[in-house]
Amino acid sequence: MTDAYPPASALVRRLPLRGLYPAAYRAAHGEEITAVFAESVRHADRRTTLREWSALAAHALRLRTRLSSRDPGGRLLAGAAPFLLAGGAALNAVHLLTASLTHGPRAGSAPLVLAVVRSVPWLLALLCAAFGRWRPARALVAGGVLTGFLGAAVAQRLPPADVFAPSTGLLWLWACAGALVLVAPPDAVDLSPRNRARTVAAAIAAALPMSGIATLVIGTWPDDYTNIAFTPLQNTALDVSAAWPAFVMAFALLLRLGDPATDPLQAYGVTLAVLPWSIVTAPPLYLHLPAGPPHLLLDGAVALGLLATAAATGLLCRRLRRTREAGSLPPTAGSER
């Protein structure tokens, strides 16, 4: 008879695998972890071994930082991750559209190529998430963050005529959003058909109005687009439209909170997907951060107001649905007597 867990190979013994886990968890499950890992990579190549080790290392770090699927922080991030991805994909879709509309002899092909390299990973990540493939979605988000900064470094070497590149501050903001997607425990992310549909719907709902505004404005700009001035009415309309992406994510929060079957902590996690849009509100091209503290304070106040309204409405809907469902249950035998 063979043992339940075969002995670890020499390769596994050289890896600092068990030492990554917290002491208590290591004492309870250390031998099992090492043995199962040894079995999973017994006939694997180096690439598979590295992938398996990386997965276990990520799990160990989530346990150490209390961001696993059993911890409140991990559940919050798991609820936020799909909608952070949806927001990043929506913004990058607008950037890609902007680059394609402004592509021409004056700008050259380099800005469009950089926009494709920067934006396509986010869009492919959303597509993977839509089909329930969360691991490749996370990998594509990591690639999108990396190519965003590489593209920014290349863009600095281009002629200054290209004013359609996203600002460095914007890249850092969405790098943080991408980091939250990567840190979220993948086994806790809700990949049910309903939540996948909501994720895609949120991305589309956020991207379409922004794309429409960018298309309209670029189509009416003169050649000297760097010196264009908007009328007060146009500025007011643009300021109002800046709140639309935050409204979309707040509505997603409302839907998640209003569903009694949803983990409340995961539902509240959507709050993290609303907060980036309290800063990324610089229409008509959504390429730069708001100018000055007054705009930041106003945008933050609008986002917080939407969050508070969505949370209150969602909790009220949740309570009403539970009350209605409890009232529709048949009486028990004890209550009949």
Protein backbone atom coordinates (compact mmCIF):
# COMPACT_ATOMS: atom_id res chain seq x y z
CA MET A 1 0.00 0.00 0.00
CA THR A 2 1.27 3.49 -0.88
CA ASP A 3 1.12 6.50 1.40
CA ALA A 4 -1.69 9.00 0.96
CA TYR A 5 0.90 11.66 0.20
CA PRO A 6 4.09 10.66 -1.62
CA PRO A 7 7.43 12.06 -0.44
CA ALA A 8 8.54 15.40 -1.85
CA SER A 9 11.08 15.48 -4.64
CA ALA A 10 14.45 17.12 -4.35
CA LEU A 11 13.20 20.11 -6.33
CA VAL A 12 10.36 20.68 -3.90
CA ARG A 13 12.69 20.42 -0.95
CA ARG A 14 14.80 23.24 -2.37
CA LEU A 15 11.80 25.54 -2.79
CA PRO A 16 10.92 27.79 0.18
CA LEU A 17 7.34 26.62 -0.08
CA ARG A 18 6.25 25.79 3.43
CA GLY A 19 8.07 28.75 4.91
CA LEU A 20 5.78 31.15 3.05
CA TYR A 21 2.73 30.06 5.02
CA PRO A 22 1.82 31.37 8.49
CA ALA A 23 3.22 29.25 11.29
CA ALA A 24 -0.13 27.93 12.52
CA TYR A 25 -1.27 26.97 9.03
CA ARG A 26 2.13 25.45 8.27
CA ALA A 27 2.01 23.33 11.41
CA ALA A 28 -1.44 22.01 10.54
CA HIS A 29 -1.07 21.50 6.78
CA GLY A 30 2.63 21.80 5.94
CA GLU A 31 3.33 18.15 5.16
CA GLU A 32 0.16 17.87 3.11
CA ILE A 33 1.00 21.00 1.10
CA THR A 34 4.49 19.79 0.28
CA ALA A 35 3.35 16.29 -0.65
CA VAL A 36 0.46 17.40 -2.84
CA PHE A 37 2.69 19.88 -4.60
CA ALA A 38 5.32 17.21 -5.20
CA GLU A 39 2.70 14.96 -6.75
CA SER A 40 1.36 17.73 -8.99
CA VAL A 41 4.79 18.50 -10.46
CA ARG A 42 6.25 14.98 -10.49
CA HIS A 43 6.18 14.69 -14.30
CA ALA A 44 5.78 18.39 -15.08
CA ASP A 45 8.18 20.63 -16.97
CA ARG A 46 9.82 23.71 -15.48
CA ARG A 47 7.09 26.03 -16.73
CA THR A 48 4.31 24.02 -15.09
CA THR A 49 6.33 23.68 -11.89
CA LEU A 50 6.87 27.44 -11.75
CA ARG A 51 3.17 28.09 -12.35
CA GLU A 52 2.14 25.69 -9.59
CA TRP A 53 4.67 27.17 -7.21
CA SER A 54 3.50 30.69 -8.02
CA ALA A 55 -0.11 29.71 -7.31
CA LEU A 56 0.81 28.26 -3.92
CA ALA A 57 3.02 31.25 -3.11
CA ALA A 58 0.13 33.60 -3.91
CA HIS A 59 -2.15 31.54 -1.67
CA ALA A 60 0.38 31.68 1.15
CA LEU A 61 0.76 35.44 0.84
CA ARG A 62 -3.02 35.89 0.87
CA LEU A 63 -3.14 33.91 4.11
CA ARG A 64 -0.36 36.01 5.61
CA THR A 65 -2.03 39.28 4.61
CA ARG A 66 -5.49 37.99 5.59
CA LEU A 67 -6.82 38.48 2.07
CA SER A 68 -7.90 34.90 1.44
CA SER A 69 -11.41 33.91 0.45
CA ARG A 70 -12.22 33.26 4.13
CA ASP A 71 -11.15 36.71 5.31
CA PRO A 72 -13.33 39.84 5.15
CA GLY A 73 -10.72 41.76 3.18
CA GLY A 74 -10.43 39.00 0.62
CA ARG A 75 -14.19 38.84 0.17
CA LEU A 76 -14.34 42.60 -0.31
CA LEU A 77 -11.66 42.45 -3.00
CA ALA A 78 -13.32 39.48 -4.67
CA GLY A 79 -16.53 41.47 -4.99
CA ALA A 80 -14.69 44.49 -6.38
CA ALA A 81 -12.43 42.68 -8.86
CA PRO A 82 -14.91 42.06 -11.73
CA PHE A 83 -16.15 45.64 -11.67
CA LEU A 84 -12.64 47.09 -11.37
CA LEU A 85 -11.88 45.08 -14.49
CA ALA A 86 -15.04 46.39 -16.14
CA GLY A 87 -14.06 49.98 -15.37
CA GLY A 88 -10.53 49.52 -16.66
CA ALA A 89 -11.79 47.89 -19.85
CA ALA A 90 -14.31 50.69 -20.41
CA LEU A 91 -11.70 53.40 -19.99
CA ASN A 92 -9.23 51.64 -22.27
CA ALA A 93 -11.93 51.17 -24.91
CA VAL A 94 -12.41 54.95 -24.92
CA HIS A 95 -8.66 55.49 -25.18
CA LEU A 96 -8.45 53.09 -28.11
CA LEU A 97 -11.33 54.85 -29.85
CA THR A 98 -9.73 58.23 -29.25
CA ALA A 99 -6.43 57.06 -30.72
CA SER A 100 -8.16 55.62 -33.79
CA LEU A 101 -10.15 58.82 -34.40
CA THR A 102 -7.09 61.03 -34.15
CA HIS A 103 -4.90 58.71 -36.20
CA GLY A 104 -3.53 60.47 -39.25
CA PRO A 105 -0.45 61.80 -41.02
CA ARG A 106 0.09 64.48 -38.41
CA ALA A 107 0.24 62.11 -35.46
CA GLY A 108 1.80 59.15 -37.25
CA SER A 109 1.15 55.50 -36.47
CA ALA A 110 3.06 55.30 -33.19
CA PRO A 111 0.25 56.70 -30.93
CA LEU A 112 -2.27 54.26 -32.38
CA VAL A 113 0.10 51.32 -31.94
CA LEU A 114 0.77 52.33 -28.34
CA ALA A 115 -2.96 52.65 -27.68
CA VAL A 116 -3.56 49.16 -29.07
CA VAL A 117 -0.77 47.64 -26.96
CA ARG A 118 -2.01 49.47 -23.88
CA SER A 119 -5.76 48.87 -24.26
CA VAL A 120 -6.22 45.48 -25.90
CA PRO A 121 -5.07 43.45 -22.84
CA TRP A 122 -7.82 45.04 -20.73
CA LEU A 123 -10.46 44.35 -23.38
CA LEU A 124 -9.31 40.74 -23.76
CA ALA A 125 -9.34 40.38 -19.97
CA LEU A 126 -12.98 41.47 -19.93
CA LEU A 127 -13.74 38.93 -22.66
CA CYS A 128 -12.07 36.17 -20.64
CA ALA A 129 -14.02 37.15 -17.54
CA ALA A 130 -17.24 37.12 -19.56
CA PHE A 131 -16.57 33.45 -20.34
CA GLY A 132 -15.66 32.62 -16.75
CA ARG A 133 -11.91 32.38 -17.42
CA TRP A 134 -10.59 34.35 -14.47
CA ARG A 135 -6.97 33.15 -14.48
CA PRO A 136 -6.19 34.41 -18.01
CA ALA A 137 -8.18 37.56 -17.23
CA ARG A 138 -5.87 38.30 -14.30
CA ALA A 139 -2.80 37.61 -16.42
CA LEU A 140 -4.05 40.00 -19.10
CA VAL A 141 -4.71 42.72 -16.51
CA ALA A 142 -1.13 42.36 -15.31
CA GLY A 143 0.02 42.62 -18.92
CA GLY A 144 -2.16 45.69 -19.48
CA VAL A 145 -0.67 47.48 -16.46
CA LEU A 146 2.86 46.64 -17.59
CA THR A 147 2.34 47.67 -21.22
CA GLY A 148 0.67 50.88 -20.03
CA PHE A 149 3.85 52.03 -18.31
CA LEU A 150 6.09 50.76 -21.10
CA GLY A 151 3.93 52.65 -23.59
CA ALA A 152 4.21 55.80 -21.48
CA ALA A 153 8.00 55.49 -21.49
CA VAL A 154 7.98 55.14 -25.27
CA ALA A 155 5.52 58.01 -25.68
CA GLN A 156 7.93 60.37 -23.91
CA ARG A 157 10.33 59.87 -26.81
CA LEU A 158 7.71 60.80 -29.41
CA PRO A 159 7.17 64.33 -30.77
CA PRO A 160 5.13 66.52 -28.41
CA ALA A 161 2.34 66.81 -30.99
CA ASP A 162 0.68 63.73 -29.54
CA VAL A 163 -1.67 65.13 -26.89
CA PHE A 164 -3.85 62.03 -26.83
CA ALA A 165 -1.72 59.89 -24.52
CA PRO A 166 -3.06 59.22 -21.00
CA SER A 167 -1.37 61.09 -18.18
CA THR A 168 1.10 59.36 -15.88
CA GLY A 169 -1.18 59.95 -12.92
CA LEU A 170 -4.00 58.17 -14.71
CA LEU A 171 -1.73 55.19 -15.42
CA TRP A 172 -0.78 54.97 -11.76
CA LEU A 173 -4.41 55.12 -10.69
CA TRP A 174 -5.42 52.24 -12.92
CA ALA A 175 -2.27 50.35 -12.00
CA CYS A 176 -3.61 50.41 -8.44
CA ALA A 177 -6.98 49.18 -9.70
CA GLY A 178 -5.22 46.40 -11.62
CA ALA A 179 -3.26 45.48 -8.49
CA LEU A 180 -6.51 45.04 -6.58
CA VAL A 181 -7.77 42.71 -9.31
CA LEU A 182 -4.59 40.64 -8.99
CA VAL A 183 -4.64 40.55 -5.18
CA ALA A 184 -8.29 39.43 -4.97
CA PRO A 185 -8.56 35.71 -4.12
CA PRO A 186 -9.58 34.03 -7.38
CA ASP A 187 -11.53 31.27 -5.66
CA ALA A 188 -13.89 33.85 -4.15
CA VAL A 189 -14.68 35.84 -7.30
CA ASP A 190 -18.30 35.40 -8.33
CA LEU A 191 -18.23 33.94 -11.85
CA SER A 192 -21.90 33.04 -11.99
CA PRO A 193 -23.63 33.80 -15.31
CA ARG A 194 -25.58 36.63 -13.67
CA ASN A 195 -22.52 38.38 -12.27
CA ARG A 196 -20.57 37.91 -15.49
CA ALA A 197 -23.45 39.50 -17.38
CA ARG A 198 -23.50 42.40 -14.91
CA THR A 199 -19.75 42.89 -15.31
CA VAL A 200 -19.97 43.11 -19.10
CA ALA A 201 -23.07 45.31 -18.89
CA ALA A 202 -21.28 47.70 -16.51
CA ALA A 203 -18.32 47.98 -18.90
CA ILE A 204 -20.57 48.66 -21.89
CA ALA A 205 -22.79 51.10 -20.00
CA ALA A 206 -19.76 53.09 -18.83
CA ALA A 207 -17.93 53.03 -22.17
CA LEU A 208 -20.72 53.92 -24.60
CA PRO A 209 -21.54 57.46 -23.34
CA MET A 210 -17.85 58.28 -22.89
CA SER A 211 -17.16 57.02 -26.41
CA GLY A 212 -20.05 59.08 -27.77
CA ILE A 213 -18.78 62.25 -26.11
CA ALA A 214 -15.23 61.67 -27.35
CA THR A 215 -16.45 60.97 -30.89
CA LEU A 216 -18.66 64.06 -30.95
CA VAL A 217 -16.00 66.37 -29.59
CA ILE A 218 -13.16 65.08 -31.78
CA GLY A 219 -15.39 65.25 -34.84
CA THR A 220 -16.11 68.94 -34.24
CA TRP A 221 -12.63 70.04 -33.23
CA PRO A 222 -10.69 72.30 -35.58
CA ASP A 223 -7.18 71.44 -36.66
CA ASP A 224 -5.81 73.54 -33.83
CA TYR A 225 -7.41 71.27 -31.26
CA THR A 226 -4.98 72.22 -28.50
CA ASN A 227 -6.52 75.71 -28.21
CA ILE A 228 -10.20 74.82 -28.29
CA ALA A 229 -12.46 76.57 -25.76
CA PHE A 230 -15.85 75.24 -24.65
CA THR A 231 -18.83 77.44 -23.89
CA PRO A 232 -20.17 77.55 -20.31
CA LEU A 233 -23.10 75.34 -21.35
CA GLN A 234 -20.75 72.78 -22.86
CA ASN A 235 -18.55 72.82 -19.80
CA THR A 236 -21.58 72.23 -17.58
CA ALA A 237 -22.71 69.30 -19.73
CA LEU A 238 -19.22 67.80 -19.60
CA ASP A 239 -19.06 68.20 -15.82
CA VAL A 240 -22.39 66.38 -15.48
CA SER A 241 -21.29 63.61 -17.83
CA ALA A 242 -18.18 63.06 -15.72
CA ALA A 243 -20.34 61.44 -13.04
CA TRP A 244 -21.78 58.83 -15.40
CA PRO A 245 -19.18 56.05 -14.89
CA ALA A 246 -19.44 56.45 -11.11
CA PHE A 247 -23.22 56.20 -11.46
CA VAL A 248 -22.90 52.96 -13.45
CA MET A 249 -20.69 51.35 -10.82
CA ALA A 250 -22.92 52.62 -8.01
CA PHE A 251 -25.90 51.03 -9.76
CA ALA A 252 -23.95 47.76 -9.89
CA LEU A 253 -23.46 48.13 -6.13
CA LEU A 254 -27.20 48.59 -5.71
CA LEU A 255 -27.94 45.43 -7.68
CA ARG A 256 -25.44 43.38 -5.71
CA LEU A 257 -26.66 44.65 -2.36
CA GLY A 258 -30.29 44.17 -3.34
CA ASP A 259 -29.75 40.47 -4.04
CA PRO A 260 -30.23 38.47 -0.79
CA ALA A 261 -28.25 35.57 -2.27
CA THR A 262 -25.10 37.71 -2.54
CA ASP A 263 -22.52 37.77 0.23
CA PRO A 264 -22.93 41.27 1.78
CA LEU A 265 -19.15 41.77 2.00
CA GLN A 266 -18.74 40.91 -1.68
CA ALA A 267 -21.56 43.30 -2.49
CA TYR A 268 -19.90 46.10 -0.52
CA GLY A 269 -16.70 45.34 -2.40
CA VAL A 270 -18.19 46.99 -5.48
CA THR A 271 -17.64 50.24 -3.55
CA LEU A 272 -13.94 49.92 -4.43
CA ALA A 273 -14.90 49.88 -8.11
CA VAL A 274 -16.75 53.18 -7.73
CA LEU A 275 -13.95 55.09 -6.06
CA PRO A 276 -11.55 55.32 -9.06
CA TRP A 277 -14.27 57.17 -10.95
CA SER A 278 -14.22 59.90 -8.32
CA ILE A 279 -10.83 60.83 -9.80
CA VAL A 280 -10.98 59.69 -13.45
CA THR A 281 -13.49 62.33 -14.44
CA ALA A 282 -11.86 64.57 -17.03
CA PRO A 283 -14.05 64.51 -20.15
CA PRO A 284 -14.25 64.75 -23.08
CA LEU A 285 -11.31 62.38 -23.69
CA TYR A 286 -10.84 60.86 -20.21
CA LEU A 287 -7.08 60.95 -20.66
CA HIS A 288 -6.10 63.17 -17.74
CA LEU A 289 -6.87 63.64 -14.09
CA PRO A 290 -9.13 66.54 -13.02
CA ALA A 291 -7.35 69.88 -12.87
CA GLY A 292 -7.00 71.24 -9.38
CA PRO A 293 -8.32 70.41 -5.89
CA PRO A 294 -11.79 71.97 -6.43
CA HIS A 295 -12.55 69.47 -9.21
CA LEU A 296 -11.18 66.58 -7.16
CA LEU A 297 -13.28 67.54 -4.14
CA LEU A 298 -16.42 67.98 -6.24
CA ASP A 299 -15.92 64.67 -8.03
CA GLY A 300 -15.25 62.89 -4.76
CA ALA A 301 -18.37 64.36 -3.20
CA VAL A 302 -20.48 63.23 -6.16
CA ALA A 303 -19.03 59.71 -6.01
CA LEU A 304 -19.60 59.46 -2.26
CA GLY A 305 -23.16 60.70 -2.68
CA LEU A 306 -23.83 58.07 -5.32
CA LEU A 307 -22.29 55.41 -3.08
CA ALA A 308 -24.42 56.40 -0.10
CA THR A 309 -27.59 56.46 -2.20
CA ALA A 310 -26.84 53.11 -3.82
CA ALA A 311 -25.95 51.47 -0.51
CA ALA A 312 -29.09 52.72 1.23
CA THR A 313 -31.33 51.74 -1.67
CA GLY A 314 -29.67 48.33 -2.05
CA LEU A 315 -30.01 47.52 1.64
CA LEU A 316 -33.66 48.58 1.57
CA CYS A 317 -34.32 46.35 -1.46
CA ARG A 318 -32.49 43.49 0.23
CA ARG A 319 -34.62 43.80 3.36
CA LEU A 320 -37.87 44.06 1.37
CA ARG A 321 -37.02 40.98 -0.70
CA ARG A 322 -36.18 38.96 2.40
CA THR A 323 -39.41 40.05 4.06
CA ARG A 324 -41.41 39.13 0.97
CA GLU A 325 -39.69 35.75 0.68
CA ALA A 326 -40.25 35.03 4.39
CA GLY A 327 -43.94 35.92 4.03
CA SER A 328 -44.34 33.58 1.09
CA LEU A 329 -43.04 30.52 3.00
CA PRO A 330 -45.70 27.91 3.92
CA PRO A 331 -46.57 27.69 7.62
CA THR A 332 -44.84 24.96 9.62
CA ALA A 333 -46.64 22.12 11.32
CA GLY A 334 -46.07 23.71 14.73
CA SER A 335 -47.59 27.01 13.64
CA GLU A 336 -50.68 25.22 12.28
CA ARG A 337 -51.32 23.70 15.70
